[in-house]
Amino acid sequence: MQRRSAIEAIFPNTPSKVFSTSWLRISNETMAYPESTATSGKWLLFKKKGDELDTLWFQIVELLKAGKLGRAAKVSTMRADEKKVEGVICVYTYS
């Protein structure tokens, strides 16, 4: 829980607590990434809204900020489609 608190300090918005917008976005523009290739693309990760999605989102934020994952990511919030049980995280990768 202490690790999650540290990540929340960097990126305070929690997907399950946001109703004002459909997506939360984060990017890491501080690192140089390779040019796009045929293997560059987008990963879609589906999790149950609430703690499951929030926990995965904070792991993605941590990896992205450390330069270990890709350039950008976004996560659906409670507003995206409040009737759906699952949310989605999109990770934009470079390889």
N, C-alpha and C. Protein backbone atom coordinates (compact mmCIF):
# COMPACT_ATOMS: atom_id res chain seq x y z
N MET A 1 0.82 -1.20 0.00
CA MET A 1 0.00 0.00 0.00
C MET A 1 0.87 1.27 0.00
N GLN A 2 2.03 1.20 0.64
CA GLN A 2 2.92 2.35 0.68
C GLN A 2 3.41 2.69 -0.72
N ARG A 3 3.72 1.67 -1.53
CA ARG A 3 4.16 1.89 -2.90
C ARG A 3 3.07 2.57 -3.72
N ARG A 4 1.83 2.12 -3.56
CA ARG A 4 0.71 2.72 -4.29
C ARG A 4 0.54 4.18 -3.88
N SER A 5 0.72 4.49 -2.62
CA SER A 5 0.62 5.87 -2.15
C SER A 5 1.67 6.75 -2.80
N ALA A 6 2.87 6.21 -2.99
CA ALA A 6 3.94 6.97 -3.64
C ALA A 6 3.58 7.25 -5.10
N ILE A 7 2.99 6.27 -5.77
CA ILE A 7 2.58 6.46 -7.17
C ILE A 7 1.44 7.46 -7.24
N GLU A 8 0.48 7.37 -6.32
CA GLU A 8 -0.64 8.31 -6.30
C GLU A 8 -0.15 9.74 -6.09
N ALA A 9 0.97 9.91 -5.39
CA ALA A 9 1.53 11.24 -5.20
C ALA A 9 2.02 11.82 -6.53
N ILE A 10 2.54 10.94 -7.40
CA ILE A 10 3.01 11.37 -8.72
C ILE A 10 1.83 11.60 -9.66
N PHE A 11 0.87 10.70 -9.62
CA PHE A 11 -0.30 10.76 -10.50
C PHE A 11 -1.54 10.57 -9.63
N PRO A 12 -2.09 11.65 -9.10
CA PRO A 12 -3.12 11.55 -8.07
C PRO A 12 -4.51 11.05 -8.51
N ASN A 13 -4.80 11.04 -9.79
CA ASN A 13 -6.13 10.64 -10.22
C ASN A 13 -6.28 9.12 -10.23
N THR A 14 -7.31 8.65 -9.58
CA THR A 14 -7.62 7.23 -9.51
C THR A 14 -8.82 6.97 -10.42
N PRO A 15 -8.68 6.05 -11.40
CA PRO A 15 -9.76 5.85 -12.37
C PRO A 15 -11.15 5.63 -11.76
N SER A 16 -11.23 4.89 -10.67
CA SER A 16 -12.55 4.59 -10.08
C SER A 16 -13.16 5.78 -9.36
N LYS A 17 -12.41 6.86 -9.21
CA LYS A 17 -12.93 8.04 -8.52
C LYS A 17 -13.16 9.23 -9.44
N VAL A 18 -12.97 9.02 -10.75
CA VAL A 18 -13.11 10.11 -11.72
C VAL A 18 -14.39 9.92 -12.53
N PHE A 19 -15.25 10.92 -12.49
CA PHE A 19 -16.51 10.90 -13.25
C PHE A 19 -16.61 12.06 -14.24
N SER A 20 -15.66 13.00 -14.17
CA SER A 20 -15.75 14.23 -14.95
C SER A 20 -15.20 14.10 -16.37
N THR A 21 -14.46 13.06 -16.66
CA THR A 21 -13.87 12.85 -17.98
C THR A 21 -13.85 11.35 -18.28
N SER A 22 -13.80 11.00 -19.54
CA SER A 22 -13.83 9.59 -19.92
C SER A 22 -12.48 8.89 -19.81
N TRP A 23 -11.39 9.64 -19.92
CA TRP A 23 -10.05 9.06 -19.93
C TRP A 23 -9.09 9.84 -19.05
N LEU A 24 -8.16 9.11 -18.43
CA LEU A 24 -7.00 9.70 -17.79
C LEU A 24 -5.81 9.32 -18.65
N ARG A 25 -4.92 10.27 -18.91
CA ARG A 25 -3.77 10.01 -19.78
C ARG A 25 -2.47 10.33 -19.06
N ILE A 26 -1.42 9.61 -19.45
CA ILE A 26 -0.09 9.89 -18.93
C ILE A 26 0.92 9.60 -20.04
N SER A 27 2.00 10.35 -20.05
CA SER A 27 3.04 10.10 -21.06
C SER A 27 4.42 10.33 -20.45
N ASN A 28 5.40 9.77 -21.09
CA ASN A 28 6.79 9.96 -20.70
C ASN A 28 7.52 10.51 -21.92
N GLU A 29 7.70 11.79 -21.94
CA GLU A 29 8.36 12.45 -23.07
C GLU A 29 9.83 12.73 -22.77
N THR A 30 10.32 12.28 -21.63
CA THR A 30 11.70 12.58 -21.24
C THR A 30 12.71 11.61 -21.85
N MET A 31 12.25 10.49 -22.37
CA MET A 31 13.17 9.50 -22.94
C MET A 31 13.07 9.48 -24.45
N ALA A 32 14.19 9.18 -25.09
CA ALA A 32 14.20 9.02 -26.54
C ALA A 32 13.77 7.59 -26.87
N TYR A 33 12.79 7.46 -27.73
CA TYR A 33 12.31 6.15 -28.12
C TYR A 33 12.63 5.89 -29.57
N PRO A 34 12.75 4.62 -29.94
CA PRO A 34 13.01 4.29 -31.34
C PRO A 34 11.86 4.75 -32.23
N GLU A 35 12.14 4.88 -33.51
CA GLU A 35 11.10 5.20 -34.48
C GLU A 35 10.08 4.06 -34.51
N SER A 36 8.87 4.37 -34.91
CA SER A 36 7.83 3.34 -35.01
C SER A 36 8.24 2.26 -36.01
N THR A 37 7.88 1.04 -35.68
CA THR A 37 8.16 -0.11 -36.55
C THR A 37 6.88 -0.91 -36.72
N ALA A 38 7.00 -2.02 -37.42
CA ALA A 38 5.84 -2.89 -37.63
C ALA A 38 5.36 -3.50 -36.32
N THR A 39 6.23 -3.57 -35.31
CA THR A 39 5.84 -4.14 -34.03
C THR A 39 5.40 -3.09 -33.01
N SER A 40 5.50 -1.82 -33.36
CA SER A 40 4.98 -0.77 -32.47
C SER A 40 3.46 -0.86 -32.47
N GLY A 41 2.85 -0.42 -31.40
CA GLY A 41 1.41 -0.49 -31.41
C GLY A 41 0.77 -0.16 -30.09
N LYS A 42 -0.38 -0.78 -29.85
CA LYS A 42 -1.18 -0.49 -28.67
C LYS A 42 -1.60 -1.79 -28.01
N TRP A 43 -1.37 -1.87 -26.71
CA TRP A 43 -1.88 -2.98 -25.93
C TRP A 43 -3.18 -2.55 -25.29
N LEU A 44 -4.15 -3.44 -25.24
CA LEU A 44 -5.42 -3.18 -24.55
C LEU A 44 -5.53 -4.16 -23.39
N LEU A 45 -5.62 -3.63 -22.20
CA LEU A 45 -5.70 -4.45 -20.99
C LEU A 45 -7.05 -4.20 -20.33
N PHE A 46 -7.84 -5.25 -20.16
CA PHE A 46 -9.17 -5.13 -19.60
C PHE A 46 -9.19 -5.68 -18.17
N LYS A 47 -9.76 -4.92 -17.26
CA LYS A 47 -9.89 -5.33 -15.86
C LYS A 47 -11.23 -4.83 -15.33
N LYS A 48 -11.70 -5.50 -14.29
CA LYS A 48 -12.92 -5.07 -13.62
C LYS A 48 -12.69 -3.67 -13.04
N LYS A 49 -13.66 -2.78 -13.27
CA LYS A 49 -13.56 -1.42 -12.72
C LYS A 49 -13.48 -1.47 -11.21
N GLY A 50 -12.77 -0.52 -10.65
CA GLY A 50 -12.59 -0.47 -9.20
C GLY A 50 -11.15 -0.76 -8.86
N ASP A 51 -10.94 -1.48 -7.79
CA ASP A 51 -9.59 -1.70 -7.28
C ASP A 51 -8.70 -2.45 -8.28
N GLU A 52 -9.26 -3.43 -9.02
CA GLU A 52 -8.46 -4.19 -9.98
C GLU A 52 -7.88 -3.27 -11.06
N LEU A 53 -8.73 -2.44 -11.64
CA LEU A 53 -8.28 -1.52 -12.69
C LEU A 53 -7.35 -0.46 -12.11
N ASP A 54 -7.69 0.07 -10.95
CA ASP A 54 -6.85 1.10 -10.31
C ASP A 54 -5.44 0.56 -10.04
N THR A 55 -5.36 -0.66 -9.50
CA THR A 55 -4.06 -1.25 -9.17
C THR A 55 -3.21 -1.45 -10.42
N LEU A 56 -3.81 -1.98 -11.48
CA LEU A 56 -3.07 -2.17 -12.73
C LEU A 56 -2.65 -0.83 -13.31
N TRP A 57 -3.52 0.17 -13.24
CA TRP A 57 -3.19 1.51 -13.75
C TRP A 57 -1.97 2.08 -13.04
N PHE A 58 -1.92 1.96 -11.74
CA PHE A 58 -0.78 2.51 -11.01
C PHE A 58 0.51 1.74 -11.32
N GLN A 59 0.40 0.45 -11.63
CA GLN A 59 1.58 -0.30 -12.06
C GLN A 59 2.06 0.19 -13.43
N ILE A 60 1.11 0.44 -14.33
CA ILE A 60 1.44 0.96 -15.67
C ILE A 60 2.10 2.33 -15.55
N VAL A 61 1.54 3.20 -14.71
CA VAL A 61 2.11 4.54 -14.51
C VAL A 61 3.55 4.43 -14.03
N GLU A 62 3.79 3.55 -13.07
CA GLU A 62 5.14 3.39 -12.53
C GLU A 62 6.12 2.92 -13.61
N LEU A 63 5.73 1.92 -14.39
CA LEU A 63 6.61 1.40 -15.44
C LEU A 63 6.84 2.43 -16.54
N LEU A 64 5.80 3.15 -16.90
CA LEU A 64 5.92 4.16 -17.95
C LEU A 64 6.85 5.28 -17.51
N LYS A 65 6.69 5.76 -16.30
CA LYS A 65 7.55 6.83 -15.79
C LYS A 65 9.00 6.38 -15.67
N ALA A 66 9.23 5.07 -15.45
CA ALA A 66 10.59 4.53 -15.34
C ALA A 66 11.19 4.24 -16.72
N GLY A 67 10.42 4.44 -17.79
CA GLY A 67 10.91 4.20 -19.14
C GLY A 67 10.99 2.73 -19.51
N LYS A 68 10.21 1.89 -18.84
CA LYS A 68 10.28 0.45 -19.07
C LYS A 68 9.13 -0.10 -19.89
N LEU A 69 8.23 0.75 -20.34
CA LEU A 69 7.04 0.21 -20.98
C LEU A 69 6.75 0.80 -22.35
N GLY A 70 6.68 2.06 -22.46
CA GLY A 70 6.33 2.70 -23.71
C GLY A 70 6.28 4.19 -23.51
N ARG A 71 5.68 4.89 -24.44
CA ARG A 71 5.65 6.35 -24.41
C ARG A 71 4.42 6.91 -23.71
N ALA A 72 3.28 6.25 -23.83
CA ALA A 72 2.05 6.82 -23.29
C ALA A 72 1.03 5.74 -22.95
N ALA A 73 0.06 6.12 -22.12
CA ALA A 73 -1.02 5.21 -21.76
C ALA A 73 -2.25 6.03 -21.38
N LYS A 74 -3.39 5.39 -21.44
CA LYS A 74 -4.63 6.01 -20.96
C LYS A 74 -5.50 4.94 -20.35
N VAL A 75 -6.38 5.36 -19.46
CA VAL A 75 -7.27 4.43 -18.77
C VAL A 75 -8.69 5.01 -18.78
N SER A 76 -9.66 4.14 -18.95
CA SER A 76 -11.05 4.59 -18.88
C SER A 76 -11.41 4.87 -17.43
N THR A 77 -12.29 5.81 -17.24
CA THR A 77 -12.74 6.18 -15.91
C THR A 77 -14.16 5.67 -15.70
N MET A 78 -14.75 6.05 -14.62
CA MET A 78 -16.13 5.66 -14.35
C MET A 78 -17.10 6.32 -15.32
N ARG A 79 -16.71 7.46 -15.90
CA ARG A 79 -17.59 8.15 -16.82
C ARG A 79 -17.64 7.48 -18.18
N ALA A 80 -16.58 6.79 -18.58
CA ALA A 80 -16.48 6.24 -19.93
C ALA A 80 -17.74 5.49 -20.34
N ASP A 81 -18.20 4.60 -19.55
CA ASP A 81 -19.47 3.92 -19.76
C ASP A 81 -19.85 3.29 -18.43
N GLU A 82 -20.58 4.01 -17.66
CA GLU A 82 -20.86 3.62 -16.29
C GLU A 82 -21.59 2.28 -16.18
N LYS A 83 -22.18 1.80 -17.27
CA LYS A 83 -22.91 0.53 -17.22
C LYS A 83 -21.98 -0.67 -17.39
N LYS A 84 -20.79 -0.44 -17.94
CA LYS A 84 -19.86 -1.55 -18.14
C LYS A 84 -19.15 -1.90 -16.85
N VAL A 85 -18.93 -3.19 -16.66
CA VAL A 85 -18.25 -3.69 -15.47
C VAL A 85 -16.74 -3.58 -15.63
N GLU A 86 -16.25 -3.72 -16.88
CA GLU A 86 -14.82 -3.67 -17.13
C GLU A 86 -14.39 -2.31 -17.65
N GLY A 87 -13.16 -1.95 -17.29
CA GLY A 87 -12.51 -0.77 -17.84
C GLY A 87 -11.36 -1.23 -18.71
N VAL A 88 -10.74 -0.28 -19.42
CA VAL A 88 -9.64 -0.62 -20.31
C VAL A 88 -8.47 0.33 -20.10
N ILE A 89 -7.28 -0.23 -20.22
CA ILE A 89 -6.05 0.56 -20.22
C ILE A 89 -5.42 0.36 -21.59
N CYS A 90 -5.09 1.45 -22.26
CA CYS A 90 -4.40 1.40 -23.55
C CYS A 90 -2.96 1.84 -23.32
N VAL A 91 -2.02 0.98 -23.70
CA VAL A 91 -0.59 1.30 -23.56
C VAL A 91 -0.02 1.39 -24.96
N TYR A 92 0.57 2.53 -25.29
CA TYR A 92 1.17 2.76 -26.61
C TYR A 92 2.65 2.40 -26.52
N THR A 93 3.02 1.33 -27.22
CA THR A 93 4.37 0.79 -27.13
C THR A 93 5.20 1.14 -28.36
N TYR A 94 6.50 0.95 -28.22
CA TYR A 94 7.40 1.25 -29.32
C TYR A 94 8.04 0.00 -29.89
N SER A 95 7.76 -1.15 -29.32
CA SER A 95 8.35 -2.37 -29.85
C SER A 95 7.58 -3.58 -29.41
